[in-house]
PDB file of N, CA and C in Angstrom:
ATOM      1  N   UNK A   1      95.625 192.540  62.166  1.00  0.00           N
ATOM      2  CA  UNK A   1      94.220 192.292  62.568  1.00  0.00           C
ATOM      3  C   UNK A   1      94.220 191.445  63.888  1.00  0.00           C
ATOM      4  N   UNK A   2      93.398 191.898  64.739  1.00  0.00           N
ATOM      5  CA  UNK A   2      93.263 191.202  66.060  1.00  0.00           C
ATOM      6  C   UNK A   2      92.294 190.102  66.002  1.00  0.00           C
ATOM      7  N   UNK A   3      92.633 188.979  66.533  1.00  0.00           N
ATOM      8  CA  UNK A   3      91.735 187.772  66.511  1.00  0.00           C
ATOM      9  C   UNK A   3      90.977 187.717  67.786  1.00  0.00           C
ATOM     10  N   UNK A   4      89.655 187.490  67.719  1.00  0.00           N
ATOM     11  CA  UNK A   4      88.768 187.451  68.875  1.00  0.00           C
ATOM     12  C   UNK A   4      88.445 186.014  69.174  1.00  0.00           C
ATOM     13  N   UNK A   5      88.563 185.555  70.417  1.00  0.00           N
ATOM     14  CA  UNK A   5      88.152 184.272  70.821  1.00  0.00           C
ATOM     15  C   UNK A   5      86.806 184.399  71.696  1.00  0.00           C
ATOM     16  N   UNK A   6      85.972 183.419  71.601  1.00  0.00           N
ATOM     17  CA  UNK A   6      84.715 183.437  72.377  1.00  0.00           C
ATOM     18  C   UNK A   6      84.777 182.354  73.391  1.00  0.00           C
ATOM     19  N   UNK A   7      84.500 182.775  74.627  1.00  0.00           N
ATOM     20  CA  UNK A   7      84.425 181.910  75.782  1.00  0.00           C
ATOM     21  C   UNK A   7      83.030 181.949  76.440  1.00  0.00           C
ATOM     22  N   UNK A   8      82.557 180.767  76.742  1.00  0.00           N
ATOM     23  CA  UNK A   8      81.332 180.648  77.437  1.00  0.00           C
ATOM     24  C   UNK A   8      81.679 180.448  78.957  1.00  0.00           C
ATOM     25  N   UNK A   9      81.065 181.267  79.791  1.00  0.00           N
ATOM     26  CA  UNK A   9      81.383 181.226  81.252  1.00  0.00           C
ATOM     27  C   UNK A   9      80.078 180.663  81.963  1.00  0.00           C
ATOM     28  N   UNK A  10      80.418 179.902  83.037  1.00  0.00           N
ATOM     29  CA  UNK A  10      79.363 179.115  83.737  1.00  0.00           C
ATOM     30  C   UNK A  10      79.449 179.441  85.245  1.00  0.00           C
ATOM     31  N   UNK A  11      78.355 179.206  85.971  1.00  0.00           N
ATOM     32  CA  UNK A  11      78.383 179.404  87.341  1.00  0.00           C
ATOM     33  C   UNK A  11      79.127 178.329  88.137  1.00  0.00           C
ATOM     34  N   UNK A  12      79.303 177.198  87.452  1.00  0.00           N
ATOM     35  CA  UNK A  12      79.993 176.118  88.046  1.00  0.00           C
ATOM     36  C   UNK A  12      80.574 175.121  87.049  1.00  0.00           C
ATOM     37  N   UNK A  13      81.479 174.254  87.496  1.00  0.00           N
ATOM     38  CA  UNK A  13      82.169 173.280  86.613  1.00  0.00           C
ATOM     39  C   UNK A  13      81.234 172.299  86.019  1.00  0.00           C
ATOM     40  N   UNK A  14      80.185 171.887  86.801  1.00  0.00           N
ATOM     41  CA  UNK A  14      79.207 170.930  86.330  1.00  0.00           C
ATOM     42  C   UNK A  14      78.489 171.308  85.021  1.00  0.00           C
ATOM     43  N   UNK A  15      78.022 172.616  85.030  1.00  0.00           N
ATOM     44  CA  UNK A  15      77.373 173.095  83.838  1.00  0.00           C
ATOM     45  C   UNK A  15      78.282 173.115  82.623  1.00  0.00           C
ATOM     46  N   UNK A  16      79.561 173.540  82.847  1.00  0.00           N
ATOM     47  CA  UNK A  16      80.484 173.511  81.729  1.00  0.00           C
ATOM     48  C   UNK A  16      80.650 172.150  81.116  1.00  0.00           C
ATOM     49  N   UNK A  17      80.800 171.147  82.003  1.00  0.00           N
ATOM     50  CA  UNK A  17      81.030 169.757  81.532  1.00  0.00           C
ATOM     51  C   UNK A  17      79.765 169.199  80.840  1.00  0.00           C
ATOM     52  N   UNK A  18      78.632 169.550  81.373  1.00  0.00           N
ATOM     53  CA  UNK A  18      77.352 169.103  80.762  1.00  0.00           C
ATOM     54  C   UNK A  18      77.208 169.681  79.339  1.00  0.00           C
ATOM     55  N   UNK A  19      77.392 170.927  79.202  1.00  0.00           N
ATOM     56  CA  UNK A  19      77.285 171.529  77.905  1.00  0.00           C
ATOM     57  C   UNK A  19      78.343 170.992  76.918  1.00  0.00           C
ATOM     58  N   UNK A  20      79.535 170.825  77.391  1.00  0.00           N
ATOM     59  CA  UNK A  20      80.581 170.305  76.549  1.00  0.00           C
ATOM     60  C   UNK A  20      80.243 168.907  76.061  1.00  0.00           C
ATOM     61  N   UNK A  21      79.610 168.050  76.885  1.00  0.00           N
ATOM     62  CA  UNK A  21      79.260 166.659  76.393  1.00  0.00           C
ATOM     63  C   UNK A  21      78.097 166.848  75.398  1.00  0.00           C
ATOM     64  N   UNK A  22      77.142 167.712  75.573  1.00  0.00           N
ATOM     65  CA  UNK A  22      76.077 167.845  74.703  1.00  0.00           C
ATOM     66  C   UNK A  22      76.612 168.396  73.350  1.00  0.00           C
ATOM     67  N   UNK A  23      77.522 169.334  73.307  1.00  0.00           N
ATOM     68  CA  UNK A  23      78.043 169.864  72.088  1.00  0.00           C
ATOM     69  C   UNK A  23      78.869 168.830  71.288  1.00  0.00           C
ATOM     70  N   UNK A  24      79.520 168.017  71.999  1.00  0.00           N
ATOM     71  CA  UNK A  24      80.236 166.924  71.359  1.00  0.00           C
ATOM     72  C   UNK A  24      79.313 165.937  70.633  1.00  0.00           C
ATOM     73  N   UNK A  25      78.154 165.592  71.349  1.00  0.00           N
ATOM     74  CA  UNK A  25      77.191 164.771  70.614  1.00  0.00           C
ATOM     75  C   UNK A  25      76.655 165.370  69.340  1.00  0.00           C
ATOM     76  N   UNK A  26      76.632 166.755  69.254  1.00  0.00           N
ATOM     77  CA  UNK A  26      76.089 167.414  68.099  1.00  0.00           C
ATOM     78  C   UNK A  26      77.203 167.701  67.052  1.00  0.00           C
ATOM     79  N   UNK A  27      78.438 167.352  67.439  1.00  0.00           N
ATOM     80  CA  UNK A  27      79.490 167.678  66.483  1.00  0.00           C
ATOM     81  C   UNK A  27      80.001 169.098  66.502  1.00  0.00           C
ATOM     82  N   UNK A  28      79.658 169.886  67.528  1.00  0.00           N
ATOM     83  CA  UNK A  28      80.058 171.254  67.682  1.00  0.00           C
ATOM     84  C   UNK A  28      81.327 171.279  68.413  1.00  0.00           C
ATOM     85  N   UNK A  29      82.327 171.966  67.817  1.00  0.00           N
ATOM     86  CA  UNK A  29      83.698 172.077  68.443  1.00  0.00           C
ATOM     87  C   UNK A  29      83.614 172.972  69.640  1.00  0.00           C
ATOM     88  N   UNK A  30      84.144 172.516  70.741  1.00  0.00           N
ATOM     89  CA  UNK A  30      84.343 173.271  71.949  1.00  0.00           C
ATOM     90  C   UNK A  30      85.591 172.817  72.665  1.00  0.00           C
ATOM     91  N   UNK A  31      86.346 173.778  73.241  1.00  0.00           N
ATOM     92  CA  UNK A  31      87.523 173.382  73.953  1.00  0.00           C
ATOM     93  C   UNK A  31      87.410 173.832  75.387  1.00  0.00           C
ATOM     94  N   UNK A  32      87.701 172.902  76.362  1.00  0.00           N
ATOM     95  CA  UNK A  32      87.592 173.198  77.737  1.00  0.00           C
ATOM     96  C   UNK A  32      88.843 174.063  78.040  1.00  0.00           C
ATOM     97  N   UNK A  33      88.697 175.218  78.653  1.00  0.00           N
ATOM     98  CA  UNK A  33      89.701 176.185  78.902  1.00  0.00           C
ATOM     99  C   UNK A  33      89.570 176.826  80.234  1.00  0.00           C
ATOM    100  N   UNK A  34      90.721 177.287  80.782  1.00  0.00           N
ATOM    101  CA  UNK A  34      90.491 178.124  82.004  1.00  0.00           C
ATOM    102  C   UNK A  34      89.923 179.455  81.591  1.00  0.00           C
ATOM    103  N   UNK A  35      89.096 180.054  82.490  1.00  0.00           N
ATOM    104  CA  UNK A  35      88.485 181.326  82.193  1.00  0.00           C
ATOM    105  C   UNK A  35      89.483 182.470  82.169  1.00  0.00           C
ATOM    106  N   UNK A  36      89.619 183.133  80.998  1.00  0.00           N
ATOM    107  CA  UNK A  36      90.510 184.230  80.945  1.00  0.00           C
ATOM    108  C   UNK A  36      90.259 185.325  82.014  1.00  0.00           C
ATOM    109  N   UNK A  37      91.249 185.813  82.574  1.00  0.00           N
ATOM    110  CA  UNK A  37      91.094 186.949  83.644  1.00  0.00           C
ATOM    111  C   UNK A  37      90.423 188.137  83.102  1.00  0.00           C
ATOM    112  N   UNK A  38      90.590 188.425  81.873  1.00  0.00           N
ATOM    113  CA  UNK A  38      89.908 189.592  81.236  1.00  0.00           C
ATOM    114  C   UNK A  38      88.372 189.352  81.137  1.00  0.00           C
ATOM    115  N   UNK A  39      87.945 188.127  81.224  1.00  0.00           N
ATOM    116  CA  UNK A  39      86.525 187.783  81.096  1.00  0.00           C
ATOM    117  C   UNK A  39      85.823 187.790  82.471  1.00  0.00           C
ATOM    118  N   UNK A  40      86.608 187.221  83.416  1.00  0.00           N
ATOM    119  CA  UNK A  40      86.124 187.070  84.849  1.00  0.00           C
ATOM    120  C   UNK A  40      87.247 186.977  85.755  1.00  0.00           C
ATOM    121  N   UNK A  41      87.128 187.615  86.915  1.00  0.00           N
ATOM    122  CA  UNK A  41      88.268 187.544  87.907  1.00  0.00           C
ATOM    123  C   UNK A  41      88.245 186.291  88.735  1.00  0.00           C
ATOM    124  N   UNK A  42      87.097 185.587  88.775  1.00  0.00           N
ATOM    125  CA  UNK A  42      87.112 184.290  89.609  1.00  0.00           C
ATOM    126  C   UNK A  42      87.692 183.177  88.824  1.00  0.00           C
ATOM    127  N   UNK A  43      88.200 182.158  89.481  1.00  0.00           N
ATOM    128  CA  UNK A  43      88.749 181.042  88.840  1.00  0.00           C
ATOM    129  C   UNK A  43      87.600 180.227  88.266  1.00  0.00           C
ATOM    130  N   UNK A  44      87.840 179.441  87.295  1.00  0.00           N
ATOM    131  CA  UNK A  44      86.875 178.627  86.744  1.00  0.00           C
ATOM    132  C   UNK A  44      87.146 178.085  85.357  1.00  0.00           C
ATOM    133  N   UNK A  45      86.305 177.258  84.943  1.00  0.00           N
ATOM    134  CA  UNK A  45      86.431 176.626  83.683  1.00  0.00           C
ATOM    135  C   UNK A  45      85.471 177.238  82.713  1.00  0.00           C
ATOM    136  N   UNK A  46      85.807 177.325  81.435  1.00  0.00           N
ATOM    137  CA  UNK A  46      84.955 177.867  80.430  1.00  0.00           C
ATOM    138  C   UNK A  46      85.126 177.023  79.156  1.00  0.00           C
ATOM    139  N   UNK A  47      84.326 177.324  78.177  1.00  0.00           N
ATOM    140  CA  UNK A  47      84.416 176.611  76.940  1.00  0.00           C
ATOM    141  C   UNK A  47      84.803 177.663  75.820  1.00  0.00           C
ATOM    142  N   UNK A  48      85.837 177.382  75.100  1.00  0.00           N
ATOM    143  CA  UNK A  48      86.212 178.278  73.973  1.00  0.00           C
ATOM    144  C   UNK A  48      85.528 177.671  72.754  1.00  0.00           C
ATOM    145  N   UNK A  49      84.777 178.553  72.071  1.00  0.00           N
ATOM    146  CA  UNK A  49      83.990 178.032  70.972  1.00  0.00           C
ATOM    147  C   UNK A  49      84.115 178.975  69.705  1.00  0.00           C
ATOM    148  N   UNK A  50      83.614 178.551  68.619  1.00  0.00           N
ATOM    149  CA  UNK A  50      83.643 179.336  67.400  1.00  0.00           C
ATOM    150  C   UNK A  50      82.458 180.254  67.301  1.00  0.00           C
ATOM    151  N   UNK A  51      82.617 181.508  66.803  1.00  0.00           N
ATOM    152  CA  UNK A  51      81.539 182.510  66.699  1.00  0.00           C
ATOM    153  C   UNK A  51      80.371 181.930  65.908  1.00  0.00           C
ATOM    154  N   UNK A  52      80.650 181.251  64.853  1.00  0.00           N
ATOM    155  CA  UNK A  52      79.558 180.674  64.012  1.00  0.00           C
ATOM    156  C   UNK A  52      78.670 179.705  64.695  1.00  0.00           C
ATOM    157  N   UNK A  53      79.110 179.106  65.796  1.00  0.00           N
ATOM    158  CA  UNK A  53      78.384 178.082  66.544  1.00  0.00           C
ATOM    159  C   UNK A  53      77.582 178.664  67.713  1.00  0.00           C
ATOM    160  N   UNK A  54      77.654 180.020  67.944  1.00  0.00           N
ATOM    161  CA  UNK A  54      77.053 180.542  69.184  1.00  0.00           C
ATOM    162  C   UNK A  54      75.522 180.382  69.257  1.00  0.00           C
ATOM    163  N   UNK A  55      74.827 180.488  68.147  1.00  0.00           N
ATOM    164  CA  UNK A  55      73.395 180.312  68.161  1.00  0.00           C
ATOM    165  C   UNK A  55      72.919 178.900  68.513  1.00  0.00           C
ATOM    166  N   UNK A  56      73.603 177.944  67.929  1.00  0.00           N
ATOM    167  CA  UNK A  56      73.398 176.514  68.192  1.00  0.00           C
ATOM    168  C   UNK A  56      73.649 176.217  69.691  1.00  0.00           C
ATOM    169  N   UNK A  57      74.787 176.800  70.213  1.00  0.00           N
ATOM    170  CA  UNK A  57      75.157 176.582  71.618  1.00  0.00           C
ATOM    171  C   UNK A  57      74.089 177.187  72.567  1.00  0.00           C
ATOM    172  N   UNK A  58      73.633 178.414  72.236  1.00  0.00           N
ATOM    173  CA  UNK A  58      72.561 178.981  73.105  1.00  0.00           C
ATOM    174  C   UNK A  58      71.243 178.130  73.085  1.00  0.00           C
ATOM    175  N   UNK A  59      70.959 177.685  71.841  1.00  0.00           N
ATOM    176  CA  UNK A  59      69.763 176.789  71.745  1.00  0.00           C
ATOM    177  C   UNK A  59      69.942 175.463  72.582  1.00  0.00           C
ATOM    178  N   UNK A  60      71.086 174.855  72.508  1.00  0.00           N
ATOM    179  CA  UNK A  60      71.378 173.633  73.209  1.00  0.00           C
ATOM    180  C   UNK A  60      71.294 173.803  74.676  1.00  0.00           C
ATOM    181  N   UNK A  61      71.876 174.884  75.185  1.00  0.00           N
ATOM    182  CA  UNK A  61      71.933 175.242  76.562  1.00  0.00           C
ATOM    183  C   UNK A  61      70.552 175.431  77.101  1.00  0.00           C
ATOM    184  N   UNK A  62      69.676 176.154  76.360  1.00  0.00           N
ATOM    185  CA  UNK A  62      68.311 176.329  76.795  1.00  0.00           C
ATOM    186  C   UNK A  62      67.497 175.114  76.801  1.00  0.00           C
ATOM    187  N   UNK A  63      67.645 174.342  75.825  1.00  0.00           N
ATOM    188  CA  UNK A  63      67.048 173.022  75.618  1.00  0.00           C
ATOM    189  C   UNK A  63      67.320 172.068  76.766  1.00  0.00           C
ATOM    190  N   UNK A  64      68.597 172.073  77.120  1.00  0.00           N
ATOM    191  CA  UNK A  64      69.026 171.100  78.202  1.00  0.00           C
ATOM    192  C   UNK A  64      69.084 171.727  79.601  1.00  0.00           C
ATOM    193  N   UNK A  65      68.572 173.020  79.638  1.00  0.00           N
ATOM    194  CA  UNK A  65      68.463 173.733  80.940  1.00  0.00           C
ATOM    195  C   UNK A  65      69.876 173.852  81.590  1.00  0.00           C
ATOM    196  N   UNK A  66      70.884 174.245  80.860  1.00  0.00           N
ATOM    197  CA  UNK A  66      72.248 174.434  81.302  1.00  0.00           C
ATOM    198  C   UNK A  66      72.443 175.947  81.430  1.00  0.00           C
ATOM    199  N   UNK A  67      72.737 176.420  82.614  1.00  0.00           N
ATOM    200  CA  UNK A  67      72.869 177.796  82.862  1.00  0.00           C
ATOM    201  C   UNK A  67      74.325 178.341  82.430  1.00  0.00           C
ATOM    202  N   UNK A  68      74.201 179.374  81.585  1.00  0.00           N
ATOM    203  CA  UNK A  68      75.369 180.134  81.147  1.00  0.00           C
ATOM    204  C   UNK A  68      75.374 181.482  81.799  1.00  0.00           C
ATOM    205  N   UNK A  69      76.518 181.925  82.328  1.00  0.00           N
ATOM    206  CA  UNK A  69      76.661 183.250  82.846  1.00  0.00           C
ATOM    207  C   UNK A  69      76.698 184.297  81.809  1.00  0.00           C
ATOM    208  N   UNK A  70      77.654 184.054  80.847  1.00  0.00           N
ATOM    209  CA  UNK A  70      77.785 185.011  79.755  1.00  0.00           C
ATOM    210  C   UNK A  70      78.694 184.411  78.748  1.00  0.00           C
ATOM    211  N   UNK A  71      78.642 184.984  77.527  1.00  0.00           N
ATOM    212  CA  UNK A  71      79.576 184.702  76.474  1.00  0.00           C
ATOM    213  C   UNK A  71      80.457 185.841  76.287  1.00  0.00           C
ATOM    214  N   UNK A  72      81.734 185.609  76.458  1.00  0.00           N
ATOM    215  CA  UNK A  72      82.730 186.743  76.513  1.00  0.00           C
ATOM    216  C   UNK A  72      83.573 186.650  75.202  1.00  0.00           C
ATOM    217  N   UNK A  73      83.765 187.831  74.604  1.00  0.00           N
ATOM    218  CA  UNK A  73      84.664 188.037  73.464  1.00  0.00           C
ATOM    219  C   UNK A  73      86.029 188.582  74.050  1.00  0.00           C
ATOM    220  N   UNK A  74      87.039 187.836  73.862  1.00  0.00           N
ATOM    221  CA  UNK A  74      88.334 188.106  74.364  1.00  0.00           C
ATOM    222  C   UNK A  74      89.353 188.177  73.238  1.00  0.00           C
ATOM    223  N   UNK A  75      90.118 189.284  73.250  1.00  0.00           N
ATOM    224  CA  UNK A  75      91.184 189.415  72.308  1.00  0.00           C
ATOM    225  C   UNK A  75      92.269 188.433  72.529  1.00  0.00           C
ATOM    226  N   UNK A  76      92.691 187.716  71.495  1.00  0.00           N
ATOM    227  CA  UNK A  76      93.695 186.692  71.599  1.00  0.00           C
ATOM    228  C   UNK A  76      95.002 187.337  72.056  1.00  0.00           C
ATOM    229  N   UNK A  77      95.526 186.854  73.160  1.00  0.00           N
ATOM    230  CA  UNK A  77      96.726 187.330  73.691  1.00  0.00           C
ATOM    231  C   UNK A  77      97.821 186.349  73.536  1.00  0.00           C
ATOM    232  N   UNK A  78      98.557 186.507  72.369  1.00  0.00           N
ATOM    233  CA  UNK A  78      99.620 185.519  72.063  1.00  0.00           C
ATOM    234  C   UNK A  78     100.944 186.272  72.187  1.00  0.00           C
ATOM    235  N   UNK A  79     101.810 185.691  73.049  1.00  0.00           N
ATOM    236  CA  UNK A  79     103.154 186.252  73.206  1.00  0.00           C
ATOM    237  C   UNK A  79     104.108 185.162  72.762  1.00  0.00           C
ATOM    238  N   UNK A  80     104.716 185.388  71.561  1.00  0.00           N
ATOM    239  CA  UNK A  80     105.662 184.373  71.030  1.00  0.00           C
ATOM    240  C   UNK A  80     106.953 184.164  72.007  1.00  0.00           C
ATOM    241  N   UNK A  81     107.190 185.121  72.847  1.00  0.00           N
ATOM    242  CA  UNK A  81     108.343 185.067  73.660  1.00  0.00           C
ATOM    243  C   UNK A  81     108.124 184.483  75.046  1.00  0.00           C
ATOM    244  N   UNK A  82     106.773 184.119  75.345  1.00  0.00           N
ATOM    245  CA  UNK A  82     106.515 183.502  76.630  1.00  0.00           C
ATOM    246  C   UNK A  82     107.224 182.195  76.775  1.00  0.00           C
ATOM    247  N   UNK A  83     107.721 181.989  77.896  1.00  0.00           N
ATOM    248  CA  UNK A  83     108.394 180.716  78.302  1.00  0.00           C
ATOM    249  C   UNK A  83     109.745 180.547  77.597  1.00  0.00           C
ATOM    250  N   UNK A  84     110.281 181.645  77.097  1.00  0.00           N
ATOM    251  CA  UNK A  84     111.629 181.563  76.593  1.00  0.00           C
ATOM    252  C   UNK A  84     112.631 182.068  77.583  1.00  0.00           C
ATOM    253  N   UNK A  85     113.627 181.255  77.774  1.00  0.00           N
ATOM    254  CA  UNK A  85     114.593 181.619  78.866  1.00  0.00           C
ATOM    255  C   UNK A  85     116.057 182.022  78.316  1.00  0.00           C
ATOM    256  N   UNK A  86     116.213 181.920  77.016  1.00  0.00           N
ATOM    257  CA  UNK A  86     117.453 182.211  76.460  1.00  0.00           C
ATOM    258  C   UNK A  86     117.332 183.264  75.321  1.00  0.00           C
TER     259      UNK A  86
END
Protein backbone atom coordinates (compact mmCIF):
# COMPACT_ATOMS: atom_id res chain seq x y z
CA UNK A 1 0.00 0.00 0.00
CA UNK A 2 1.32 3.42 -0.98
CA UNK A 3 1.40 6.13 1.63
CA UNK A 4 0.27 9.62 0.59
CA UNK A 5 1.69 12.74 2.21
CA UNK A 6 -0.05 16.12 2.09
CA UNK A 7 1.95 19.30 1.46
CA UNK A 8 0.65 22.86 1.61
CA UNK A 9 2.39 25.09 -0.93
CA UNK A 10 2.72 28.86 -0.57
CA UNK A 11 3.69 31.81 -2.77
CA UNK A 12 6.39 32.81 -0.28
CA UNK A 13 8.23 31.79 2.87
CA UNK A 14 6.42 34.37 5.02
CA UNK A 15 3.00 32.81 4.44
CA UNK A 16 4.33 29.35 5.30
CA UNK A 17 5.78 30.55 8.59
CA UNK A 18 2.66 32.52 9.50
CA UNK A 19 0.41 29.50 8.98
CA UNK A 20 2.86 27.25 10.81
CA UNK A 21 2.73 29.52 13.88
CA UNK A 22 -1.08 29.68 13.78
CA UNK A 23 -1.39 25.90 13.52
CA UNK A 24 0.95 25.40 16.46
CA UNK A 25 -1.25 27.68 18.58
CA UNK A 26 -4.22 25.43 17.70
CA UNK A 27 -2.32 22.23 18.39
CA UNK A 28 -2.45 21.13 14.74
CA UNK A 29 0.62 19.13 13.72
CA UNK A 30 2.58 20.59 10.80
CA UNK A 31 6.16 19.99 9.72
CA UNK A 32 8.19 22.58 7.81
CA UNK A 33 9.57 20.78 4.77
CA UNK A 34 11.17 21.51 1.40
CA UNK A 35 8.60 21.49 -1.37
CA UNK A 36 8.76 18.15 -3.18
CA UNK A 37 9.81 18.45 -6.84
CA UNK A 38 6.78 16.39 -7.86
CA UNK A 39 4.50 19.04 -6.34
CA UNK A 40 6.24 22.13 -7.70
CA UNK A 41 9.38 22.77 -9.73
CA UNK A 42 10.36 25.97 -7.94
CA UNK A 43 12.32 26.00 -4.73
CA UNK A 44 10.43 26.75 -1.60
CA UNK A 45 9.16 25.78 1.76
CA UNK A 46 5.96 23.90 2.41
CA UNK A 47 4.11 22.41 5.35
CA UNK A 48 3.60 18.66 5.58
CA UNK A 49 0.29 18.00 7.34
CA UNK A 50 -2.15 15.21 8.13
CA UNK A 51 -5.13 14.64 5.84
CA UNK A 52 -7.55 14.77 8.78
CA UNK A 53 -6.43 18.34 9.57
CA UNK A 54 -6.95 19.81 6.07
CA UNK A 55 -10.35 21.37 6.74
CA UNK A 56 -9.14 23.10 9.93
CA UNK A 57 -6.03 24.28 8.07
CA UNK A 58 -8.11 25.77 5.23
CA UNK A 59 -10.35 27.53 7.75
CA UNK A 60 -7.39 28.93 9.66
CA UNK A 61 -5.67 30.18 6.49
CA UNK A 62 -8.86 31.91 5.34
CA UNK A 63 -9.51 33.44 8.76
CA UNK A 64 -5.95 34.77 9.06
CA UNK A 65 -5.80 35.79 5.36
CA UNK A 66 -2.82 33.55 4.62
CA UNK A 67 -2.51 32.70 0.94
CA UNK A 68 -2.12 29.03 0.00
CA UNK A 69 -1.15 28.12 -3.57
CA UNK A 70 -2.36 24.54 -3.35
CA UNK A 71 -2.49 21.42 -1.28
CA UNK A 72 -0.56 18.64 -2.99
CA UNK A 73 -0.88 14.92 -2.43
CA UNK A 74 2.50 13.29 -2.93
CA UNK A 75 3.29 9.61 -2.86
CA UNK A 76 5.84 8.93 -0.15
CA UNK A 77 9.16 8.23 -1.80
CA UNK A 78 11.20 6.23 0.67
CA UNK A 79 14.39 4.59 -0.48
CA UNK A 80 15.97 2.52 2.32
CA UNK A 81 19.24 2.35 0.35
CA UNK A 82 19.69 6.12 0.03
CA UNK A 83 22.94 7.39 1.49
CA UNK A 84 24.40 3.90 1.80
CA UNK A 85 27.93 3.69 0.56
CA UNK A 86 28.86 0.10 1.41
